[in-house]
Amino acid sequence: MSNNYPQQHDNLSSLEKAIQKHLSEACLSVSEDHLLQKSLNHLIYEKQVKALLPKVWASVCFLAGSFVLLVTSALFSWHAFGQTPTHTYFSLMFSDFGEVARNWQDYSLSILESLPLGAVAFLLSALLASAWLIDFSANQLSHFHKLTEIQHYGDK
C-alpha cells in the first residue's frame, strides 16, 4: 500500500495486493506509479456509489410517494370541505366583516364546529410527512451529486 493512500477500507487490502502483484509482474514501479493510486481511488468511488445507489432510488420513490400523498390528501380535504358549510363562513368574513368582527367569538366557534377535523388532520400530516420525505430525498440526491461531481473533477 502506498504511503499517500489513507487506510479507509480494509476489505480492499486483498484487492490492492492483487493490483500490486499485477503491476510488479508488468515491471511497473509500485511505489512511484500513479496508476495504483488512481485504480484504488476508482474502486473506493465505485463502492461508495454502490452503497449510495439504493438510498437514491428510495429517495426517488419517496418523492413520488409524497406527491401521491399530497394529491390524495388535497382531494380528500377538498371533498370533505365541500360537504360542510365552512366555505359559507369564510365567504361571510369577506362579505360582512363588520358583523363578523362584532360577533367574533360565535363566528370562530361556528367555523371550528363546521371544520372536517379528519380531513384537516390528514392534510396536515400529509404536509408534514411530505416535507420530511422531500428533505430526505434532497439530502440523498445532494450526496449523490457531490460524490459524482468529485469523481468527475478528479478524473481531469
Protein backbone atom coordinates (compact mmCIF):
# COMPACT_ATOMS: atom_id res chain seq x y z
CA MET A 1 0.00 0.00 0.00
CA SER A 2 1.43 3.38 -0.92
CA ASN A 3 2.11 5.94 1.80
CA ASN A 4 -0.18 8.66 0.46
CA TYR A 5 -3.24 6.40 0.39
CA PRO A 6 -5.24 6.53 3.65
CA GLN A 7 -6.22 3.22 5.22
CA GLN A 8 -10.00 3.71 4.95
CA HIS A 9 -11.21 0.43 3.53
CA ASP A 10 -9.71 -2.74 4.99
CA ASN A 11 -11.50 -5.02 2.56
CA LEU A 12 -9.58 -3.51 -0.35
CA SER A 13 -6.28 -4.78 1.00
CA SER A 14 -6.51 -8.13 -0.82
CA LEU A 15 -7.55 -6.36 -3.99
CA GLU A 16 -4.72 -3.89 -3.54
CA LYS A 17 -2.25 -6.73 -3.11
CA ALA A 18 -3.53 -8.30 -6.33
CA ILE A 19 -3.11 -4.98 -8.16
CA GLN A 20 0.39 -4.55 -6.75
CA LYS A 21 1.28 -8.09 -7.82
CA HIS A 22 -0.05 -7.43 -11.31
CA LEU A 23 1.88 -4.14 -11.57
CA SER A 24 5.08 -5.79 -10.34
CA GLU A 25 4.67 -8.58 -12.91
CA ALA A 26 4.18 -5.91 -15.56
CA CYS A 27 7.52 -4.37 -14.49
CA LEU A 28 5.96 -1.11 -13.31
CA SER A 29 7.18 0.51 -10.14
CA VAL A 30 4.50 0.23 -7.48
CA SER A 31 5.79 2.92 -5.15
CA GLU A 32 6.02 5.63 -7.80
CA ASP A 33 3.17 4.61 -10.02
CA HIS A 34 0.15 6.82 -10.17
CA LEU A 35 -1.88 4.00 -11.72
CA LEU A 36 -2.21 2.14 -8.43
CA GLN A 37 -3.48 5.20 -6.62
CA LYS A 38 -5.92 6.02 -9.39
CA SER A 39 -7.19 2.43 -9.52
CA LEU A 40 -7.75 2.29 -5.77
CA ASN A 41 -9.49 5.67 -5.74
CA HIS A 42 -11.78 4.47 -8.50
CA LEU A 43 -12.57 1.28 -6.59
CA ILE A 44 -13.44 3.30 -3.48
CA TYR A 45 -15.60 5.60 -5.59
CA GLU A 46 -17.45 2.62 -7.09
CA LYS A 47 -18.01 1.17 -3.63
CA GLN A 48 -19.44 4.48 -2.37
CA VAL A 49 -21.72 4.78 -5.39
CA LYS A 50 -22.89 1.19 -4.95
CA ALA A 51 -23.69 1.88 -1.28
CA LEU A 52 -25.48 5.14 -2.06
CA LEU A 53 -27.49 3.95 -5.06
CA PRO A 54 -30.26 2.18 -3.06
CA LYS A 55 -30.74 5.32 -0.99
CA VAL A 56 -31.03 7.39 -4.16
CA TRP A 57 -33.67 5.03 -5.56
CA ALA A 58 -35.50 5.09 -2.24
CA SER A 59 -35.44 8.88 -2.25
CA VAL A 60 -36.89 8.97 -5.77
CA CYS A 61 -39.65 6.59 -4.66
CA PHE A 62 -40.24 8.74 -1.58
CA LEU A 63 -40.54 11.82 -3.77
CA ALA A 64 -43.15 10.10 -5.91
CA GLY A 65 -44.91 8.81 -2.80
CA SER A 66 -45.01 12.24 -1.21
CA PHE A 67 -46.52 13.66 -4.38
CA VAL A 68 -49.22 10.97 -4.38
CA LEU A 69 -49.82 11.55 -0.66
CA LEU A 70 -50.23 15.29 -1.16
CA VAL A 71 -52.60 14.89 -4.10
CA THR A 72 -54.68 12.29 -2.25
CA SER A 73 -54.92 14.39 0.90
CA ALA A 74 -55.80 17.51 -1.10
CA LEU A 75 -58.58 15.71 -2.96
CA PHE A 76 -59.91 14.16 0.24
CA SER A 77 -59.85 17.52 2.01
CA TRP A 78 -61.48 19.29 -0.92
CA HIS A 79 -64.29 16.75 -0.93
CA ALA A 80 -64.71 16.97 2.87
CA PHE A 81 -64.75 20.78 2.85
CA GLY A 82 -67.32 20.72 0.06
CA GLN A 83 -69.72 18.75 2.25
CA THR A 84 -69.54 21.19 5.19
CA PRO A 85 -70.74 24.79 5.46
CA THR A 86 -67.21 26.04 6.20
CA HIS A 87 -66.97 27.87 2.88
CA THR A 88 -70.07 29.93 3.74
CA TYR A 89 -68.46 31.08 6.97
CA PHE A 90 -65.33 32.16 5.12
CA SER A 91 -67.37 33.98 2.48
CA LEU A 92 -69.28 35.76 5.26
CA MET A 93 -65.97 37.07 6.58
CA PHE A 94 -65.28 38.80 3.27
CA SER A 95 -68.82 40.00 2.56
CA ASP A 96 -69.78 41.33 6.02
CA PHE A 97 -66.59 41.86 8.01
CA GLY A 98 -68.22 44.29 10.48
CA GLU A 99 -70.76 41.71 11.60
CA VAL A 100 -68.05 39.07 11.92
CA ALA A 101 -65.87 41.44 13.97
CA ARG A 102 -68.74 42.20 16.38
CA ASN A 103 -69.55 38.51 16.88
CA TRP A 104 -66.06 37.05 16.50
CA GLN A 105 -66.46 34.53 19.33
CA ASP A 106 -69.62 32.98 17.88
CA TYR A 107 -68.12 33.16 14.42
CA SER A 108 -64.92 31.35 15.42
CA LEU A 109 -66.87 28.65 17.25
CA SER A 110 -69.08 28.15 14.19
CA ILE A 111 -66.02 27.70 11.99
CA LEU A 112 -64.49 25.20 14.42
CA GLU A 113 -67.75 23.25 14.59
CA SER A 114 -68.03 23.06 10.82
CA LEU A 115 -64.44 22.01 10.10
CA PRO A 116 -63.93 18.44 8.96
CA LEU A 117 -61.25 17.60 11.52
CA GLY A 118 -60.37 14.25 9.97
CA ALA A 119 -59.61 15.89 6.64
CA VAL A 120 -57.67 18.70 8.29
CA ALA A 121 -55.61 16.23 10.33
CA PHE A 122 -54.96 14.11 7.23
CA LEU A 123 -53.92 17.16 5.21
CA LEU A 124 -51.59 18.47 7.91
CA SER A 125 -49.99 15.06 8.49
CA ALA A 126 -49.56 14.63 4.73
CA LEU A 127 -47.87 18.03 4.53
CA LEU A 128 -45.56 17.15 7.43
CA ALA A 129 -44.72 13.72 6.02
CA SER A 130 -44.12 15.17 2.56
CA ALA A 131 -41.83 17.85 3.95
CA TRP A 132 -39.80 15.16 5.74
CA LEU A 133 -39.68 12.91 2.65
CA ILE A 134 -38.67 15.79 0.39
CA ASP A 135 -35.91 16.77 2.84
CA PHE A 136 -34.62 13.17 2.95
CA SER A 137 -34.72 12.94 -0.84
CA ALA A 138 -32.94 16.26 -1.27
CA ASN A 139 -30.16 15.16 1.11
CA GLN A 140 -29.65 11.83 -0.65
CA LEU A 141 -29.63 13.38 -4.10
CA SER A 142 -27.22 16.05 -2.86
CA HIS A 143 -24.84 13.38 -1.51
CA PHE A 144 -25.02 11.51 -4.80
CA HIS A 145 -24.41 14.71 -6.78
CA LYS A 146 -21.40 15.62 -4.62
CA LEU A 147 -19.97 12.13 -4.95
CA THR A 148 -20.30 12.06 -8.73
CA GLU A 149 -19.03 15.64 -9.03
CA ILE A 150 -15.89 14.83 -7.02
CA GLN A 151 -15.14 11.78 -9.18
CA HIS A 152 -15.84 13.74 -12.37
CA TYR A 153 -13.42 16.51 -11.44
CA GLY A 154 -10.90 14.03 -10.07
CA ASP A 155 -10.52 12.40 -13.48
CA LYS A 156 -9.42 15.59 -15.23
